[in-house]
Structures are given as structure tokens and as C-alpha cells.
N, C-alpha and C. Protein backbone atom coordinates (compact mmCIF):
# COMPACT_ATOMS: atom_id res chain seq x y z
N MET A 1 -16.84 -33.70 -7.41
CA MET A 1 -16.10 -32.77 -8.23
C MET A 1 -16.79 -31.42 -8.30
N VAL A 2 -18.09 -31.40 -8.49
CA VAL A 2 -18.83 -30.14 -8.55
C VAL A 2 -18.68 -29.37 -7.25
N ALA A 3 -18.74 -30.08 -6.13
CA ALA A 3 -18.59 -29.42 -4.83
C ALA A 3 -17.23 -28.76 -4.71
N SER A 4 -16.18 -29.41 -5.21
CA SER A 4 -14.85 -28.82 -5.11
C SER A 4 -14.71 -27.59 -6.01
N ILE A 5 -15.39 -27.59 -7.15
CA ILE A 5 -15.39 -26.40 -8.02
C ILE A 5 -16.06 -25.24 -7.32
N TYR A 6 -17.23 -25.49 -6.69
CA TYR A 6 -17.91 -24.43 -5.96
C TYR A 6 -17.07 -23.93 -4.80
N LYS A 7 -16.39 -24.84 -4.12
CA LYS A 7 -15.54 -24.44 -3.00
C LYS A 7 -14.42 -23.54 -3.50
N HIS A 8 -13.81 -23.86 -4.65
CA HIS A 8 -12.75 -23.03 -5.22
C HIS A 8 -13.29 -21.64 -5.59
N ILE A 9 -14.45 -21.60 -6.23
CA ILE A 9 -15.04 -20.31 -6.61
C ILE A 9 -15.35 -19.49 -5.37
N GLU A 10 -15.91 -20.15 -4.37
CA GLU A 10 -16.24 -19.44 -3.14
C GLU A 10 -14.97 -18.89 -2.48
N ARG A 11 -13.92 -19.70 -2.41
CA ARG A 11 -12.66 -19.28 -1.80
C ARG A 11 -12.06 -18.10 -2.58
N GLU A 12 -12.08 -18.19 -3.91
CA GLU A 12 -11.55 -17.11 -4.75
C GLU A 12 -12.35 -15.82 -4.54
N TYR A 13 -13.67 -15.93 -4.49
CA TYR A 13 -14.51 -14.75 -4.29
C TYR A 13 -14.24 -14.10 -2.93
N PHE A 14 -14.15 -14.90 -1.89
CA PHE A 14 -13.88 -14.34 -0.57
C PHE A 14 -12.50 -13.72 -0.50
N HIS A 15 -11.54 -14.28 -1.22
CA HIS A 15 -10.21 -13.67 -1.29
C HIS A 15 -10.30 -12.30 -1.95
N ARG A 16 -11.07 -12.19 -3.01
CA ARG A 16 -11.26 -10.89 -3.69
C ARG A 16 -11.94 -9.89 -2.76
N LEU A 17 -12.93 -10.34 -2.02
CA LEU A 17 -13.60 -9.46 -1.05
C LEU A 17 -12.60 -8.96 0.00
N TYR A 18 -11.79 -9.89 0.49
CA TYR A 18 -10.81 -9.54 1.52
C TYR A 18 -9.80 -8.52 0.99
N GLU A 19 -9.25 -8.75 -0.20
CA GLU A 19 -8.29 -7.82 -0.78
C GLU A 19 -8.89 -6.43 -0.98
N THR A 20 -10.14 -6.40 -1.42
CA THR A 20 -10.82 -5.12 -1.62
C THR A 20 -11.04 -4.42 -0.30
N GLU A 21 -11.47 -5.17 0.70
CA GLU A 21 -11.70 -4.58 2.02
C GLU A 21 -10.41 -4.01 2.61
N MET A 22 -9.31 -4.73 2.47
CA MET A 22 -8.03 -4.25 3.00
C MET A 22 -7.56 -3.00 2.25
N ALA A 23 -7.74 -2.97 0.94
CA ALA A 23 -7.36 -1.78 0.17
C ALA A 23 -8.19 -0.57 0.60
N LEU A 24 -9.48 -0.79 0.77
CA LEU A 24 -10.37 0.31 1.19
C LEU A 24 -10.01 0.79 2.59
N TYR A 25 -9.70 -0.13 3.48
CA TYR A 25 -9.29 0.22 4.84
C TYR A 25 -8.01 1.06 4.81
N ALA A 26 -7.03 0.64 3.99
CA ALA A 26 -5.76 1.37 3.89
C ALA A 26 -5.97 2.75 3.29
N ILE A 27 -6.75 2.83 2.24
CA ILE A 27 -7.01 4.14 1.60
C ILE A 27 -7.66 5.09 2.59
N ARG A 28 -8.70 4.62 3.28
CA ARG A 28 -9.40 5.48 4.23
C ARG A 28 -8.49 5.92 5.37
N GLY A 29 -7.69 5.00 5.87
CA GLY A 29 -6.77 5.37 6.95
C GLY A 29 -5.75 6.40 6.50
N ASN A 30 -5.21 6.22 5.31
CA ASN A 30 -4.24 7.17 4.78
C ASN A 30 -4.88 8.51 4.44
N LEU A 31 -6.14 8.49 4.01
CA LEU A 31 -6.85 9.75 3.78
C LEU A 31 -6.99 10.53 5.08
N ASP A 32 -7.29 9.82 6.17
CA ASP A 32 -7.41 10.48 7.48
C ASP A 32 -6.10 11.13 7.89
N VAL A 33 -4.99 10.42 7.70
CA VAL A 33 -3.68 10.96 8.06
C VAL A 33 -3.35 12.17 7.18
N PHE A 34 -3.59 12.04 5.89
CA PHE A 34 -3.34 13.15 4.96
C PHE A 34 -4.13 14.38 5.39
N ALA A 35 -5.42 14.21 5.64
CA ALA A 35 -6.28 15.34 6.02
C ALA A 35 -5.83 15.97 7.34
N GLU A 36 -5.41 15.14 8.27
CA GLU A 36 -4.95 15.66 9.56
C GLU A 36 -3.67 16.47 9.40
N ASN A 37 -2.76 15.99 8.56
CA ASN A 37 -1.47 16.67 8.38
C ASN A 37 -1.53 17.85 7.42
N GLU A 38 -2.38 17.79 6.42
CA GLU A 38 -2.42 18.81 5.37
C GLU A 38 -3.63 19.75 5.49
N ASN A 39 -4.53 19.47 6.39
CA ASN A 39 -5.75 20.27 6.60
C ASN A 39 -6.64 20.33 5.36
N ARG A 40 -6.61 19.27 4.59
CA ARG A 40 -7.47 19.15 3.40
C ARG A 40 -7.40 17.69 2.94
N PHE A 41 -8.26 17.34 2.02
CA PHE A 41 -8.19 16.02 1.41
C PHE A 41 -7.40 16.13 0.11
N PRO A 42 -6.74 15.05 -0.31
CA PRO A 42 -6.00 15.12 -1.58
C PRO A 42 -6.95 15.37 -2.75
N ASP A 43 -6.43 16.00 -3.78
CA ASP A 43 -7.25 16.28 -4.97
C ASP A 43 -7.72 15.01 -5.64
N ASN A 44 -6.90 13.96 -5.58
CA ASN A 44 -7.26 12.68 -6.17
C ASN A 44 -6.45 11.58 -5.48
N LEU A 45 -6.75 10.34 -5.81
CA LEU A 45 -6.06 9.23 -5.16
C LEU A 45 -4.62 9.10 -5.60
N ASP A 46 -4.27 9.63 -6.77
CA ASP A 46 -2.86 9.65 -7.18
C ASP A 46 -2.04 10.55 -6.25
N GLU A 47 -2.62 11.68 -5.84
CA GLU A 47 -1.92 12.54 -4.89
C GLU A 47 -1.72 11.80 -3.56
N LEU A 48 -2.70 11.03 -3.15
CA LEU A 48 -2.57 10.24 -1.94
C LEU A 48 -1.45 9.20 -2.09
N LYS A 49 -1.38 8.55 -3.25
CA LYS A 49 -0.31 7.57 -3.48
C LYS A 49 1.07 8.22 -3.39
N ARG A 50 1.22 9.41 -3.97
CA ARG A 50 2.51 10.12 -3.90
C ARG A 50 2.85 10.48 -2.45
N TYR A 51 1.83 10.88 -1.69
CA TYR A 51 2.02 11.24 -0.28
C TYR A 51 2.49 10.02 0.51
N VAL A 52 1.87 8.87 0.26
CA VAL A 52 2.23 7.64 0.97
C VAL A 52 3.67 7.24 0.65
N LYS A 53 4.09 7.41 -0.60
CA LYS A 53 5.47 7.07 -0.98
C LYS A 53 6.47 7.91 -0.20
N LYS A 54 6.12 9.16 0.09
CA LYS A 54 7.02 10.05 0.83
C LYS A 54 6.99 9.79 2.33
N HIS A 55 6.00 9.04 2.79
CA HIS A 55 5.83 8.76 4.22
C HIS A 55 5.75 7.24 4.42
N PRO A 56 6.88 6.58 4.49
CA PRO A 56 6.89 5.11 4.56
C PRO A 56 6.21 4.54 5.80
N GLU A 57 5.97 5.36 6.80
CA GLU A 57 5.28 4.86 7.99
C GLU A 57 3.80 4.60 7.73
N LEU A 58 3.29 5.11 6.61
CA LEU A 58 1.90 4.88 6.24
C LEU A 58 1.75 3.54 5.56
N ASP A 59 0.53 3.09 5.42
CA ASP A 59 0.24 1.78 4.85
C ASP A 59 0.53 1.77 3.36
N SER A 60 1.50 1.00 2.94
CA SER A 60 1.91 0.98 1.53
C SER A 60 0.92 0.27 0.62
N LYS A 61 -0.09 -0.40 1.16
CA LYS A 61 -1.08 -1.06 0.31
C LYS A 61 -1.82 -0.05 -0.57
N THR A 62 -1.81 1.22 -0.18
CA THR A 62 -2.50 2.22 -0.98
C THR A 62 -1.92 2.28 -2.39
N ARG A 63 -0.68 1.88 -2.57
CA ARG A 63 -0.08 1.90 -3.91
C ARG A 63 -0.78 0.94 -4.85
N ILE A 64 -1.35 -0.13 -4.31
CA ILE A 64 -2.02 -1.12 -5.16
C ILE A 64 -3.32 -0.55 -5.70
N LEU A 65 -4.13 -0.01 -4.85
CA LEU A 65 -5.36 0.71 -5.22
C LEU A 65 -6.26 -0.01 -6.22
N LYS A 66 -6.59 -1.25 -5.95
CA LYS A 66 -7.54 -1.94 -6.82
C LYS A 66 -8.65 -2.52 -5.98
N GLU A 67 -9.82 -2.56 -6.55
CA GLU A 67 -10.92 -3.31 -5.95
C GLU A 67 -11.16 -4.51 -6.84
N TYR A 68 -11.57 -5.61 -6.25
CA TYR A 68 -11.73 -6.86 -6.99
C TYR A 68 -13.18 -7.34 -6.96
N ILE A 69 -14.11 -6.41 -6.82
CA ILE A 69 -15.53 -6.77 -6.79
C ILE A 69 -16.13 -6.66 -8.19
N SER A 70 -15.81 -5.59 -8.90
CA SER A 70 -16.40 -5.37 -10.22
C SER A 70 -15.81 -6.28 -11.29
N CYS A 71 -14.57 -6.75 -11.09
CA CYS A 71 -13.96 -7.68 -12.04
C CYS A 71 -12.85 -8.46 -11.34
N LYS A 72 -12.58 -9.64 -11.83
CA LYS A 72 -11.59 -10.52 -11.20
C LYS A 72 -10.18 -9.96 -11.27
N GLU A 73 -9.86 -9.24 -12.33
CA GLU A 73 -8.52 -8.71 -12.52
C GLU A 73 -8.22 -7.52 -11.63
N GLY A 74 -9.23 -6.94 -11.08
CA GLY A 74 -9.07 -5.75 -10.26
C GLY A 74 -9.23 -4.49 -11.08
N ASN A 75 -9.74 -3.46 -10.45
CA ASN A 75 -9.98 -2.20 -11.12
C ASN A 75 -9.51 -1.08 -10.20
N GLY A 76 -8.55 -0.31 -10.67
CA GLY A 76 -8.01 0.78 -9.87
C GLY A 76 -8.35 2.16 -10.39
N LYS A 77 -9.26 2.23 -11.36
CA LYS A 77 -9.62 3.54 -11.91
C LYS A 77 -10.35 4.37 -10.85
N GLU A 78 -10.22 5.67 -10.98
CA GLU A 78 -10.85 6.59 -10.04
C GLU A 78 -11.91 7.42 -10.76
N TYR A 79 -13.05 7.61 -10.11
CA TYR A 79 -14.14 8.41 -10.67
C TYR A 79 -14.62 9.41 -9.63
N SER A 80 -14.98 10.58 -10.07
CA SER A 80 -15.52 11.59 -9.16
C SER A 80 -17.04 11.58 -9.13
N THR A 81 -17.64 10.76 -9.97
CA THR A 81 -19.08 10.55 -9.93
C THR A 81 -19.34 9.07 -9.76
N LEU A 82 -20.38 8.76 -9.03
CA LEU A 82 -20.75 7.36 -8.80
C LEU A 82 -21.51 6.88 -10.03
N ASN A 83 -20.79 6.16 -10.92
CA ASN A 83 -21.39 5.79 -12.20
C ASN A 83 -21.49 4.28 -12.42
N GLY A 84 -21.09 3.49 -11.43
CA GLY A 84 -21.23 2.05 -11.53
C GLY A 84 -20.21 1.36 -12.42
N GLN A 85 -19.11 2.04 -12.80
CA GLN A 85 -18.11 1.46 -13.69
C GLN A 85 -17.07 0.62 -12.96
N GLY A 86 -17.18 0.47 -11.67
CA GLY A 86 -16.16 -0.23 -10.90
C GLY A 86 -15.03 0.72 -10.56
N GLY A 87 -14.00 0.20 -9.92
CA GLY A 87 -12.92 1.07 -9.47
C GLY A 87 -13.35 1.80 -8.21
N TRP A 88 -12.78 2.98 -8.03
CA TRP A 88 -13.06 3.76 -6.82
C TRP A 88 -13.82 5.02 -7.13
N TYR A 89 -14.83 5.31 -6.32
CA TYR A 89 -15.47 6.61 -6.31
C TYR A 89 -14.77 7.40 -5.21
N TYR A 90 -14.30 8.60 -5.54
CA TYR A 90 -13.62 9.44 -4.56
C TYR A 90 -14.14 10.87 -4.66
N ASN A 91 -14.56 11.42 -3.51
CA ASN A 91 -15.03 12.79 -3.42
C ASN A 91 -13.95 13.58 -2.68
N ASN A 92 -13.25 14.46 -3.38
CA ASN A 92 -12.15 15.19 -2.76
C ASN A 92 -12.60 16.33 -1.85
N LYS A 93 -13.88 16.61 -1.84
CA LYS A 93 -14.40 17.64 -0.91
C LYS A 93 -14.66 17.04 0.47
N THR A 94 -15.14 15.80 0.50
CA THR A 94 -15.51 15.16 1.77
C THR A 94 -14.55 14.05 2.19
N GLY A 95 -13.71 13.58 1.27
CA GLY A 95 -12.82 12.47 1.56
C GLY A 95 -13.49 11.11 1.48
N GLU A 96 -14.72 11.07 1.00
CA GLU A 96 -15.41 9.79 0.88
C GLU A 96 -14.79 8.97 -0.24
N VAL A 97 -14.51 7.72 0.05
CA VAL A 97 -14.03 6.79 -0.97
C VAL A 97 -14.79 5.49 -0.78
N ARG A 98 -15.22 4.92 -1.90
CA ARG A 98 -15.94 3.65 -1.87
C ARG A 98 -15.86 2.99 -3.23
N ILE A 99 -16.30 1.76 -3.28
CA ILE A 99 -16.30 1.04 -4.54
C ILE A 99 -17.34 1.70 -5.44
N ASN A 100 -16.98 1.94 -6.67
CA ASN A 100 -17.84 2.66 -7.62
C ASN A 100 -18.87 1.71 -8.24
N LEU A 101 -19.78 1.26 -7.41
CA LEU A 101 -20.89 0.41 -7.87
C LEU A 101 -22.17 1.00 -7.31
N ASN A 102 -23.21 1.02 -8.12
CA ASN A 102 -24.48 1.56 -7.65
C ASN A 102 -25.62 0.58 -7.81
N LYS A 103 -25.31 -0.66 -8.15
CA LYS A 103 -26.32 -1.72 -8.21
C LYS A 103 -25.60 -3.06 -8.08
N PRO A 104 -26.31 -4.11 -7.75
CA PRO A 104 -25.66 -5.43 -7.62
C PRO A 104 -25.00 -5.83 -8.93
N ILE A 105 -23.89 -6.53 -8.81
CA ILE A 105 -23.19 -6.98 -10.02
C ILE A 105 -23.70 -8.34 -10.45
N LYS A 106 -23.51 -8.65 -11.72
CA LYS A 106 -23.97 -9.92 -12.27
C LYS A 106 -23.08 -11.06 -11.77
N SER A 107 -23.67 -12.22 -11.62
CA SER A 107 -22.97 -13.35 -11.03
C SER A 107 -21.75 -13.80 -11.84
N GLU A 108 -21.69 -13.53 -13.13
CA GLU A 108 -20.51 -13.97 -13.90
C GLU A 108 -19.26 -13.23 -13.48
N ASN A 109 -19.40 -12.09 -12.77
CA ASN A 109 -18.24 -11.36 -12.28
C ASN A 109 -17.67 -11.98 -11.02
N TYR A 110 -18.41 -12.88 -10.38
CA TYR A 110 -17.92 -13.51 -9.15
C TYR A 110 -16.89 -14.50 -9.53
């Protein structure tokens, strides 16, 4: 029984990692398209979401915009400073986007 509980936790954690990775991949890809077409990066990720809605050929996963590493429920908040609060860190000058974590998370979040 204990082994099956660990297997479930492991499967759930890897699913969260996968969902986060796919969201990050979609956001970065759509940022590249936005920058290529508009000759700048969006001011924030909400502007990117609006752009994606107007261009259905782009990856619609950007509308979800959550990472599932900092918490199980997902965190879609955006920060312009890397403060470790979870969600997304986004730099509108460089187009860098990443999970807003600056140290390892505690195991109870897994």
C-alpha cells in the first residue's frame, strides 16, 4: 500500500512538471512570434494572451498560464522581479520568462 501511495505522488508530481514545461514552452514560442511580428516584446503576459486570442494559429495553451511547481493548484501570477513567490517571472525588456522560484521548494509542495 505504501508503495502505491508513493507511485501516485510520483505520477502526480511528474504530471505537474509536464504541464509546467508545456506551458513554459508555449509561452516562449508565442513570445518569439510576438517579437518577430511586433518588433518588441509584450509589456506583460496578459498582452501576450490577448495577442494569442487574436491569432488562433498560435498555441492556445498560453491562455492557461499556470505553473504547477510552486503549488499543486497552479500559479499564474506574473512578477517583474524574481522574488520566489511562484508563478511566472517575466522581463519585458528581454523576453525572458521562467518560473518565479529562486531556491528549492519544500517537499510538502510536491
